[in-house]
């Protein structure tokens, strides 16, 4: 590996490590207010939704195919089913729709 490539790798490492390390150092021994804890607790769900939603719209040439799968998954998850059951039933419903 060339020296230039090594410098690029170390630079990218620093750029990704520093933003992750700074919050830990700044808030070490401190507790966030309940408001901020509530917001940060929901970040993974919001991120997951932002990653999945575009895929629903571009999954199949027919837009309604993705919407039907998302609606099925939402309904099943809303009833309280676990994630594996939700995914398997959604896949089954989309398999049945693709056969029609």
PDB file of N, CA and C in Angstrom:
ATOM      1  N   UNK A   1       0.853  -1.170   0.000  1.00  0.00           N
ATOM      2  CA  UNK A   1       0.000   0.000   0.000  1.00  0.00           C
ATOM      3  C   UNK A   1       0.898   1.232   0.000  1.00  0.00           C
ATOM      4  N   UNK A   2       0.554   2.174  -0.828  1.00  0.00           N
ATOM      5  CA  UNK A   2       1.374   3.379  -0.948  1.00  0.00           C
ATOM      6  C   UNK A   2       1.189   4.280   0.271  1.00  0.00           C
ATOM      7  N   UNK A   3       2.118   5.200   0.438  1.00  0.00           N
ATOM      8  CA  UNK A   3       2.060   6.132   1.566  1.00  0.00           C
ATOM      9  C   UNK A   3       0.825   7.028   1.461  1.00  0.00           C
ATOM     10  N   UNK A   4       0.474   7.374   0.246  1.00  0.00           N
ATOM     11  CA  UNK A   4      -0.704   8.213   0.050  1.00  0.00           C
ATOM     12  C   UNK A   4      -1.980   7.488   0.486  1.00  0.00           C
ATOM     13  N   UNK A   5      -2.082   6.231   0.120  1.00  0.00           N
ATOM     14  CA  UNK A   5      -3.253   5.437   0.493  1.00  0.00           C
ATOM     15  C   UNK A   5      -3.296   5.241   2.007  1.00  0.00           C
ATOM     16  N   UNK A   6      -2.158   5.018   2.636  1.00  0.00           N
ATOM     17  CA  UNK A   6      -2.102   4.873   4.086  1.00  0.00           C
ATOM     18  C   UNK A   6      -2.566   6.152   4.767  1.00  0.00           C
ATOM     19  N   UNK A   7      -2.140   7.297   4.262  1.00  0.00           N
ATOM     20  CA  UNK A   7      -2.555   8.579   4.827  1.00  0.00           C
ATOM     21  C   UNK A   7      -4.060   8.773   4.670  1.00  0.00           C
ATOM     22  N   UNK A   8      -4.606   8.363   3.551  1.00  0.00           N
ATOM     23  CA  UNK A   8      -6.047   8.479   3.326  1.00  0.00           C
ATOM     24  C   UNK A   8      -6.812   7.609   4.313  1.00  0.00           C
ATOM     25  N   UNK A   9      -6.356   6.380   4.537  1.00  0.00           N
ATOM     26  CA  UNK A   9      -7.026   5.470   5.464  1.00  0.00           C
ATOM     27  C   UNK A   9      -6.971   6.029   6.885  1.00  0.00           C
ATOM     28  N   UNK A  10      -5.808   6.514   7.313  1.00  0.00           N
ATOM     29  CA  UNK A  10      -5.708   7.091   8.652  1.00  0.00           C
ATOM     30  C   UNK A  10      -6.550   8.359   8.778  1.00  0.00           C
ATOM     31  N   UNK A  11      -6.625   9.146   7.738  1.00  0.00           N
ATOM     32  CA  UNK A  11      -7.456  10.346   7.753  1.00  0.00           C
ATOM     33  C   UNK A  11      -8.922  10.003   7.877  1.00  0.00           C
ATOM     34  N   UNK A  12      -9.371   9.015   7.113  1.00  0.00           N
ATOM     35  CA  UNK A  12     -10.772   8.601   7.196  1.00  0.00           C
ATOM     36  C   UNK A  12     -11.087   8.003   8.563  1.00  0.00           C
ATOM     37  N   UNK A  13     -10.116   7.291   9.143  1.00  0.00           N
ATOM     38  CA  UNK A  13     -10.298   6.735  10.479  1.00  0.00           C
ATOM     39  C   UNK A  13     -10.499   7.844  11.497  1.00  0.00           C
ATOM     40  N   UNK A  14      -9.676   8.868  11.427  1.00  0.00           N
ATOM     41  CA  UNK A  14      -9.796   9.984  12.369  1.00  0.00           C
ATOM     42  C   UNK A  14     -11.111  10.724  12.188  1.00  0.00           C
ATOM     43  N   UNK A  15     -11.502  10.927  10.943  1.00  0.00           N
ATOM     44  CA  UNK A  15     -12.735  11.672  10.667  1.00  0.00           C
ATOM     45  C   UNK A  15     -13.962  10.923  11.173  1.00  0.00           C
ATOM     46  N   UNK A  16     -13.954   9.610  11.153  1.00  0.00           N
ATOM     47  CA  UNK A  16     -15.113   8.864  11.642  1.00  0.00           C
ATOM     48  C   UNK A  16     -15.033   8.597  13.143  1.00  0.00           C
ATOM     49  N   UNK A  17     -13.826   8.527  13.702  1.00  0.00           N
ATOM     50  CA  UNK A  17     -13.688   8.223  15.122  1.00  0.00           C
ATOM     51  C   UNK A  17     -13.969   9.439  16.002  1.00  0.00           C
ATOM     52  N   UNK A  18     -13.509  10.592  15.618  1.00  0.00           N
ATOM     53  CA  UNK A  18     -13.643  11.796  16.452  1.00  0.00           C
ATOM     54  C   UNK A  18     -15.107  12.148  16.744  1.00  0.00           C
ATOM     55  N   UNK A  19     -16.005  12.184  15.759  1.00  0.00           N
ATOM     56  CA  UNK A  19     -17.397  12.498  16.102  1.00  0.00           C
ATOM     57  C   UNK A  19     -18.062  11.456  17.003  1.00  0.00           C
ATOM     58  N   UNK A  20     -17.571  10.257  17.003  1.00  0.00           N
ATOM     59  CA  UNK A  20     -18.140   9.226  17.878  1.00  0.00           C
ATOM     60  C   UNK A  20     -17.566   9.313  19.288  1.00  0.00           C
ATOM     61  N   UNK A  21     -16.322   9.745  19.401  1.00  0.00           N
ATOM     62  CA  UNK A  21     -15.655   9.807  20.686  1.00  0.00           C
ATOM     63  C   UNK A  21     -16.037  11.065  21.465  1.00  0.00           C
ATOM     64  N   UNK A  22     -16.225  12.191  20.790  1.00  0.00           N
ATOM     65  CA  UNK A  22     -16.472  13.461  21.470  1.00  0.00           C
ATOM     66  C   UNK A  22     -17.686  13.442  22.400  1.00  0.00           C
ATOM     67  N   UNK A  23     -18.834  12.922  21.994  1.00  0.00           N
ATOM     68  CA  UNK A  23     -19.960  12.893  22.933  1.00  0.00           C
ATOM     69  C   UNK A  23     -19.669  12.090  24.204  1.00  0.00           C
ATOM     70  N   UNK A  24     -18.935  10.998  24.067  1.00  0.00           N
ATOM     71  CA  UNK A  24     -18.602  10.204  25.246  1.00  0.00           C
ATOM     72  C   UNK A  24     -17.707  10.991  26.201  1.00  0.00           C
ATOM     73  N   UNK A  25     -16.772  11.740  25.653  1.00  0.00           N
ATOM     74  CA  UNK A  25     -15.871  12.523  26.498  1.00  0.00           C
ATOM     75  C   UNK A  25     -16.587  13.733  27.103  1.00  0.00           C
ATOM     76  N   UNK A  26     -17.464  14.369  26.331  1.00  0.00           N
ATOM     77  CA  UNK A  26     -18.140  15.565  26.818  1.00  0.00           C
ATOM     78  C   UNK A  26     -19.173  15.242  27.895  1.00  0.00           C
ATOM     79  N   UNK A  27     -19.853  14.112  27.778  1.00  0.00           N
ATOM     80  CA  UNK A  27     -20.934  13.780  28.701  1.00  0.00           C
ATOM     81  C   UNK A  27     -20.548  12.708  29.711  1.00  0.00           C
ATOM     82  N   UNK A  28     -19.266  12.469  29.869  1.00  0.00           N
ATOM     83  CA  UNK A  28     -18.804  11.453  30.814  1.00  0.00           C
ATOM     84  C   UNK A  28     -19.180  11.875  32.240  1.00  0.00           C
ATOM     85  N   UNK A  29     -19.914  11.025  32.925  1.00  0.00           N
ATOM     86  CA  UNK A  29     -20.317  11.306  34.296  1.00  0.00           C
ATOM     87  C   UNK A  29     -21.518  12.232  34.415  1.00  0.00           C
ATOM     88  N   UNK A  30     -22.078  12.667  33.304  1.00  0.00           N
ATOM     89  CA  UNK A  30     -23.237  13.551  33.319  1.00  0.00           C
ATOM     90  C   UNK A  30     -24.452  12.789  32.800  1.00  0.00           C
ATOM     91  N   UNK A  31     -25.610  13.216  33.221  1.00  0.00           N
ATOM     92  CA  UNK A  31     -26.837  12.604  32.724  1.00  0.00           C
ATOM     93  C   UNK A  31     -27.612  13.638  31.922  1.00  0.00           C
ATOM     94  N   UNK A  32     -28.088  13.224  30.768  1.00  0.00           N
ATOM     95  CA  UNK A  32     -28.867  14.116  29.921  1.00  0.00           C
ATOM     96  C   UNK A  32     -30.251  14.337  30.531  1.00  0.00           C
ATOM     97  N   UNK A  33     -30.852  15.497  30.268  1.00  0.00           N
ATOM     98  CA  UNK A  33     -32.232  15.709  30.716  1.00  0.00           C
ATOM     99  C   UNK A  33     -33.174  14.690  30.074  1.00  0.00           C
ATOM    100  N   UNK A  34     -34.276  14.456  30.731  1.00  0.00           N
ATOM    101  CA  UNK A  34     -35.242  13.448  30.255  1.00  0.00           C
ATOM    102  C   UNK A  34     -35.732  13.755  28.843  1.00  0.00           C
ATOM    103  N   UNK A  35     -35.870  15.035  28.505  1.00  0.00           N
ATOM    104  CA  UNK A  35     -36.313  15.417  27.166  1.00  0.00           C
ATOM    105  C   UNK A  35     -35.354  14.894  26.107  1.00  0.00           C
ATOM    106  N   UNK A  36     -34.061  15.115  26.300  1.00  0.00           N
ATOM    107  CA  UNK A  36     -33.064  14.670  25.318  1.00  0.00           C
ATOM    108  C   UNK A  36     -32.929  13.160  25.301  1.00  0.00           C
ATOM    109  N   UNK A  37     -33.076  12.524  26.451  1.00  0.00           N
ATOM    110  CA  UNK A  37     -33.046  11.064  26.478  1.00  0.00           C
ATOM    111  C   UNK A  37     -34.197  10.486  25.666  1.00  0.00           C
ATOM    112  N   UNK A  38     -35.370  11.100  25.768  1.00  0.00           N
ATOM    113  CA  UNK A  38     -36.522  10.646  24.989  1.00  0.00           C
ATOM    114  C   UNK A  38     -36.298  10.793  23.500  1.00  0.00           C
ATOM    115  N   UNK A  39     -35.697  11.897  23.100  1.00  0.00           N
ATOM    116  CA  UNK A  39     -35.417  12.111  21.675  1.00  0.00           C
ATOM    117  C   UNK A  39     -34.390  11.104  21.183  1.00  0.00           C
ATOM    118  N   UNK A  40     -33.296  10.949  21.919  1.00  0.00           N
ATOM    119  CA  UNK A  40     -32.235  10.045  21.480  1.00  0.00           C
ATOM    120  C   UNK A  40     -32.672   8.586  21.511  1.00  0.00           C
ATOM    121  N   UNK A  41     -33.625   8.259  22.358  1.00  0.00           N
ATOM    122  CA  UNK A  41     -34.127   6.888  22.409  1.00  0.00           C
ATOM    123  C   UNK A  41     -34.870   6.526  21.122  1.00  0.00           C
ATOM    124  N   UNK A  42     -35.433   7.511  20.439  1.00  0.00           N
ATOM    125  CA  UNK A  42     -36.199   7.262  19.215  1.00  0.00           C
ATOM    126  C   UNK A  42     -35.381   7.390  17.933  1.00  0.00           C
ATOM    127  N   UNK A  43     -34.133   7.777  18.028  1.00  0.00           N
ATOM    128  CA  UNK A  43     -33.299   7.953  16.834  1.00  0.00           C
ATOM    129  C   UNK A  43     -33.161   6.655  16.030  1.00  0.00           C
ATOM    130  N   UNK A  44     -32.909   5.494  16.641  1.00  0.00           N
ATOM    131  CA  UNK A  44     -32.789   4.275  15.820  1.00  0.00           C
ATOM    132  C   UNK A  44     -34.040   3.971  15.006  1.00  0.00           C
ATOM    133  N   UNK A  45     -35.217   4.204  15.564  1.00  0.00           N
ATOM    134  CA  UNK A  45     -36.456   3.930  14.837  1.00  0.00           C
ATOM    135  C   UNK A  45     -36.622   4.895  13.668  1.00  0.00           C
ATOM    136  N   UNK A  46     -36.299   6.154  13.893  1.00  0.00           N
ATOM    137  CA  UNK A  46     -36.407   7.145  12.823  1.00  0.00           C
ATOM    138  C   UNK A  46     -35.417   6.845  11.709  1.00  0.00           C
ATOM    139  N   UNK A  47     -34.216   6.445  12.087  1.00  0.00           N
ATOM    140  CA  UNK A  47     -33.201   6.110  11.082  1.00  0.00           C
ATOM    141  C   UNK A  47     -33.613   4.886  10.279  1.00  0.00           C
ATOM    142  N   UNK A  48     -34.126   3.885  10.954  1.00  0.00           N
ATOM    143  CA  UNK A  48     -34.581   2.676  10.265  1.00  0.00           C
ATOM    144  C   UNK A  48     -35.700   2.999   9.283  1.00  0.00           C
ATOM    145  N   UNK A  49     -36.638   3.831   9.701  1.00  0.00           N
ATOM    146  CA  UNK A  49     -37.718   4.236   8.803  1.00  0.00           C
ATOM    147  C   UNK A  49     -37.199   4.995   7.593  1.00  0.00           C
ATOM    148  N   UNK A  50     -36.226   5.870   7.813  1.00  0.00           N
ATOM    149  CA  UNK A  50     -35.663   6.638   6.695  1.00  0.00           C
ATOM    150  C   UNK A  50     -34.906   5.742   5.725  1.00  0.00           C
ATOM    151  N   UNK A  51     -34.341   4.667   6.206  1.00  0.00           N
ATOM    152  CA  UNK A  51     -33.625   3.741   5.320  1.00  0.00           C
ATOM    153  C   UNK A  51     -34.581   2.815   4.571  1.00  0.00           C
ATOM    154  N   UNK A  52     -35.672   2.425   5.204  1.00  0.00           N
ATOM    155  CA  UNK A  52     -36.587   1.453   4.604  1.00  0.00           C
ATOM    156  C   UNK A  52     -37.563   2.098   3.630  1.00  0.00           C
ATOM    157  N   UNK A  53     -38.065   3.280   3.927  1.00  0.00           N
ATOM    158  CA  UNK A  53     -39.121   3.890   3.125  1.00  0.00           C
ATOM    159  C   UNK A  53     -38.764   4.034   1.645  1.00  0.00           C
ATOM    160  N   UNK A  54     -37.583   4.533   1.267  1.00  0.00           N
ATOM    161  CA  UNK A  54     -37.279   4.609  -0.178  1.00  0.00           C
ATOM    162  C   UNK A  54     -37.249   3.242  -0.847  1.00  0.00           C
ATOM    163  N   UNK A  55     -36.828   2.223  -0.102  1.00  0.00           N
ATOM    164  CA  UNK A  55     -36.813   0.876  -0.659  1.00  0.00           C
ATOM    165  C   UNK A  55     -38.200   0.343  -0.929  1.00  0.00           C
ATOM    166  N   UNK A  56     -39.153   0.744  -0.122  1.00  0.00           N
ATOM    167  CA  UNK A  56     -40.541   0.322  -0.333  1.00  0.00           C
ATOM    168  C   UNK A  56     -41.059   0.878  -1.658  1.00  0.00           C
ATOM    169  N   UNK A  57     -40.698   2.110  -1.944  1.00  0.00           N
ATOM    170  CA  UNK A  57     -41.207   2.753  -3.155  1.00  0.00           C
ATOM    171  C   UNK A  57     -40.506   2.290  -4.427  1.00  0.00           C
ATOM    172  N   UNK A  58     -39.298   1.767  -4.311  1.00  0.00           N
ATOM    173  CA  UNK A  58     -38.537   1.360  -5.501  1.00  0.00           C
ATOM    174  C   UNK A  58     -38.291  -0.142  -5.559  1.00  0.00           C
ATOM    175  N   UNK A  59     -38.953  -0.908  -4.714  1.00  0.00           N
ATOM    176  CA  UNK A  59     -38.723  -2.351  -4.626  1.00  0.00           C
ATOM    177  C   UNK A  59     -39.145  -3.096  -5.885  1.00  0.00           C
ATOM    178  N   UNK A  60     -40.213  -2.703  -6.470  1.00  0.00           N
ATOM    179  CA  UNK A  60     -40.814  -3.411  -7.599  1.00  0.00           C
ATOM    180  C   UNK A  60     -41.269  -2.370  -8.609  1.00  0.00           C
ATOM    181  N   UNK A  61     -41.404  -2.767  -9.862  1.00  0.00           N
ATOM    182  CA  UNK A  61     -41.854  -1.785 -10.866  1.00  0.00           C
ATOM    183  C   UNK A  61     -43.263  -1.279 -10.578  1.00  0.00           C
ATOM    184  N   UNK A  62     -44.055  -2.092  -9.879  1.00  0.00           N
ATOM    185  CA  UNK A  62     -45.392  -1.681  -9.481  1.00  0.00           C
ATOM    186  C   UNK A  62     -45.316  -1.100  -8.065  1.00  0.00           C
ATOM    187  N   UNK A  63     -45.621   0.167  -7.925  1.00  0.00           N
ATOM    188  CA  UNK A  63     -45.543   0.853  -6.636  1.00  0.00           C
ATOM    189  C   UNK A  63     -46.440   0.207  -5.592  1.00  0.00           C
ATOM    190  N   UNK A  64     -47.598  -0.282  -6.004  1.00  0.00           N
ATOM    191  CA  UNK A  64     -48.557  -0.867  -5.063  1.00  0.00           C
ATOM    192  C   UNK A  64     -48.055  -2.161  -4.446  1.00  0.00           C
ATOM    193  N   UNK A  65     -47.126  -2.809  -5.105  1.00  0.00           N
ATOM    194  CA  UNK A  65     -46.545  -4.039  -4.563  1.00  0.00           C
ATOM    195  C   UNK A  65     -45.789  -3.726  -3.272  1.00  0.00           C
ATOM    196  N   UNK A  66     -44.955  -2.703  -3.302  1.00  0.00           N
ATOM    197  CA  UNK A  66     -44.218  -2.302  -2.107  1.00  0.00           C
ATOM    198  C   UNK A  66     -45.125  -1.757  -1.026  1.00  0.00           C
ATOM    199  N   UNK A  67     -46.132  -1.001  -1.429  1.00  0.00           N
ATOM    200  CA  UNK A  67     -47.063  -0.435  -0.457  1.00  0.00           C
ATOM    201  C   UNK A  67     -47.862  -1.547   0.227  1.00  0.00           C
ATOM    202  N   UNK A  68     -48.254  -2.568  -0.528  1.00  0.00           N
ATOM    203  CA  UNK A  68     -48.989  -3.696   0.057  1.00  0.00           C
ATOM    204  C   UNK A  68     -48.124  -4.435   1.071  1.00  0.00           C
ATOM    205  N   UNK A  69     -46.871  -4.648   0.746  1.00  0.00           N
ATOM    206  CA  UNK A  69     -45.970  -5.314   1.692  1.00  0.00           C
ATOM    207  C   UNK A  69     -45.749  -4.487   2.944  1.00  0.00           C
ATOM    208  N   UNK A  70     -45.587  -3.187   2.777  1.00  0.00           N
ATOM    209  CA  UNK A  70     -45.392  -2.308   3.936  1.00  0.00           C
ATOM    210  C   UNK A  70     -46.651  -2.261   4.794  1.00  0.00           C
ATOM    211  N   UNK A  71     -47.817  -2.200   4.157  1.00  0.00           N
ATOM    212  CA  UNK A  71     -49.075  -2.167   4.912  1.00  0.00           C
ATOM    213  C   UNK A  71     -49.273  -3.460   5.691  1.00  0.00           C
ATOM    214  N   UNK A  72     -48.951  -4.576   5.066  1.00  0.00           N
ATOM    215  CA  UNK A  72     -49.081  -5.867   5.757  1.00  0.00           C
ATOM    216  C   UNK A  72     -48.131  -5.920   6.953  1.00  0.00           C
ATOM    217  N   UNK A  73     -46.890  -5.490   6.746  1.00  0.00           N
ATOM    218  CA  UNK A  73     -45.916  -5.508   7.841  1.00  0.00           C
ATOM    219  C   UNK A  73     -46.350  -4.570   8.963  1.00  0.00           C
ATOM    220  N   UNK A  74     -46.846  -3.389   8.600  1.00  0.00           N
ATOM    221  CA  UNK A  74     -47.283  -2.441   9.617  1.00  0.00           C
ATOM    222  C   UNK A  74     -48.444  -2.997  10.423  1.00  0.00           C
ATOM    223  N   UNK A  75     -49.424  -3.577   9.748  1.00  0.00           N
ATOM    224  CA  UNK A  75     -50.593  -4.124  10.446  1.00  0.00           C
ATOM    225  C   UNK A  75     -50.193  -5.253  11.383  1.00  0.00           C
ATOM    226  N   UNK A  76     -49.353  -6.156  10.909  1.00  0.00           N
ATOM    227  CA  UNK A  76     -48.938  -7.301  11.734  1.00  0.00           C
ATOM    228  C   UNK A  76     -48.114  -6.825  12.926  1.00  0.00           C
ATOM    229  N   UNK A  77     -47.201  -5.886  12.694  1.00  0.00           N
ATOM    230  CA  UNK A  77     -46.389  -5.363  13.794  1.00  0.00           C
ATOM    231  C   UNK A  77     -47.254  -4.600  14.790  1.00  0.00           C
ATOM    232  N   UNK A  78     -48.262  -3.904  14.295  1.00  0.00           N
ATOM    233  CA  UNK A  78     -49.144  -3.128  15.168  1.00  0.00           C
ATOM    234  C   UNK A  78     -49.937  -4.028  16.107  1.00  0.00           C
ATOM    235  N   UNK A  79     -50.228  -5.256  15.681  1.00  0.00           N
ATOM    236  CA  UNK A  79     -50.953  -6.189  16.537  1.00  0.00           C
ATOM    237  C   UNK A  79     -50.078  -6.758  17.642  1.00  0.00           C
ATOM    238  N   UNK A  80     -48.773  -6.510  17.570  1.00  0.00           N
ATOM    239  CA  UNK A  80     -47.876  -6.948  18.636  1.00  0.00           C
ATOM    240  C   UNK A  80     -47.047  -8.168  18.296  1.00  0.00           C
ATOM    241  N   UNK A  81     -47.044  -8.594  17.051  1.00  0.00           N
ATOM    242  CA  UNK A  81     -46.259  -9.762  16.665  1.00  0.00           C
ATOM    243  C   UNK A  81     -44.769  -9.435  16.705  1.00  0.00           C
ATOM    244  N   UNK A  82     -43.955 -10.468  16.906  1.00  0.00           N
ATOM    245  CA  UNK A  82     -42.513 -10.222  16.926  1.00  0.00           C
ATOM    246  C   UNK A  82     -41.985  -9.974  15.510  1.00  0.00           C
ATOM    247  N   UNK A  83     -40.765  -9.534  15.417  1.00  0.00           N
ATOM    248  CA  UNK A  83     -40.211  -9.070  14.143  1.00  0.00           C
ATOM    249  C   UNK A  83     -40.060 -10.211  13.137  1.00  0.00           C
ATOM    250  N   UNK A  84     -39.669 -11.384  13.585  1.00  0.00           N
ATOM    251  CA  UNK A  84     -39.486 -12.511  12.660  1.00  0.00           C
ATOM    252  C   UNK A  84     -40.833 -12.897  12.039  1.00  0.00           C
ATOM    253  N   UNK A  85     -41.863 -12.989  12.853  1.00  0.00           N
ATOM    254  CA  UNK A  85     -43.190 -13.333  12.344  1.00  0.00           C
ATOM    255  C   UNK A  85     -43.666 -12.265  11.364  1.00  0.00           C
ATOM    256  N   UNK A  86     -43.439 -11.000  11.697  1.00  0.00           N
ATOM    257  CA  UNK A  86     -43.845  -9.896  10.824  1.00  0.00           C
ATOM    258  C   UNK A  86     -43.171  -9.995   9.469  1.00  0.00           C
ATOM    259  N   UNK A  87     -41.879 -10.227   9.461  1.00  0.00           N
ATOM    260  CA  UNK A  87     -41.143 -10.325   8.201  1.00  0.00           C
ATOM    261  C   UNK A  87     -41.605 -11.532   7.396  1.00  0.00           C
ATOM    262  N   UNK A  88     -41.758 -12.677   8.047  1.00  0.00           N
ATOM    263  CA  UNK A  88     -42.162 -13.884   7.320  1.00  0.00           C
ATOM    264  C   UNK A  88     -43.561 -13.757   6.723  1.00  0.00           C
ATOM    265  N   UNK A  89     -44.489 -13.189   7.457  1.00  0.00           N
ATOM    266  CA  UNK A  89     -45.847 -13.026   6.926  1.00  0.00           C
ATOM    267  C   UNK A  89     -45.855 -12.013   5.783  1.00  0.00           C
ATOM    268  N   UNK A  90     -45.086 -10.943   5.915  1.00  0.00           N
ATOM    269  CA  UNK A  90     -45.007  -9.957   4.826  1.00  0.00           C
ATOM    270  C   UNK A  90     -44.420 -10.577   3.565  1.00  0.00           C
ATOM    271  N   UNK A  91     -43.396 -11.377   3.728  1.00  0.00           N
ATOM    272  CA  UNK A  91     -42.808 -12.074   2.570  1.00  0.00           C
ATOM    273  C   UNK A  91     -43.840 -13.021   1.964  1.00  0.00           C
ATOM    274  N   UNK A  92     -44.592 -13.735   2.808  1.00  0.00           N
ATOM    275  CA  UNK A  92     -45.617 -14.635   2.296  1.00  0.00           C
ATOM    276  C   UNK A  92     -46.700 -13.894   1.533  1.00  0.00           C
ATOM    277  N   UNK A  93     -47.133 -12.758   2.054  1.00  0.00           N
ATOM    278  CA  UNK A  93     -48.165 -11.983   1.360  1.00  0.00           C
ATOM    279  C   UNK A  93     -47.644 -11.476   0.023  1.00  0.00           C
ATOM    280  N   UNK A  94     -46.409 -10.996  -0.017  1.00  0.00           N
ATOM    281  CA  UNK A  94     -45.861 -10.537  -1.291  1.00  0.00           C
ATOM    282  C   UNK A  94     -45.641 -11.672  -2.265  1.00  0.00           C
ATOM    283  N   UNK A  95     -45.323 -12.854  -1.762  1.00  0.00           N
ATOM    284  CA  UNK A  95     -45.188 -14.028  -2.630  1.00  0.00           C
ATOM    285  C   UNK A  95     -46.545 -14.363  -3.251  1.00  0.00           C
ATOM    286  N   UNK A  96     -47.588 -14.333  -2.440  1.00  0.00           N
ATOM    287  CA  UNK A  96     -48.927 -14.603  -2.974  1.00  0.00           C
ATOM    288  C   UNK A  96     -49.345 -13.537  -4.004  1.00  0.00           C
ATOM    289  N   UNK A  97     -49.042 -12.271  -3.715  1.00  0.00           N
ATOM    290  CA  UNK A  97     -49.372 -11.215  -4.670  1.00  0.00           C
ATOM    291  C   UNK A  97     -48.616 -11.362  -5.980  1.00  0.00           C
ATOM    292  N   UNK A  98     -47.373 -11.824  -5.900  1.00  0.00           N
ATOM    293  CA  UNK A  98     -46.598 -11.969  -7.135  1.00  0.00           C
ATOM    294  C   UNK A  98     -47.113 -13.119  -7.996  1.00  0.00           C
ATOM    295  N   UNK A  99     -47.810 -14.063  -7.391  1.00  0.00           N
ATOM    296  CA  UNK A  99     -48.366 -15.176  -8.155  1.00  0.00           C
ATOM    297  C   UNK A  99     -49.645 -14.792  -8.885  1.00  0.00           C
ATOM    298  N   UNK A 100     -50.279 -13.716  -8.466  1.00  0.00           N
ATOM    299  CA  UNK A 100     -51.537 -13.294  -9.094  1.00  0.00           C
ATOM    300  C   UNK A 100     -51.296 -12.585 -10.409  1.00  0.00           C
TER     301      UNK A 100
END
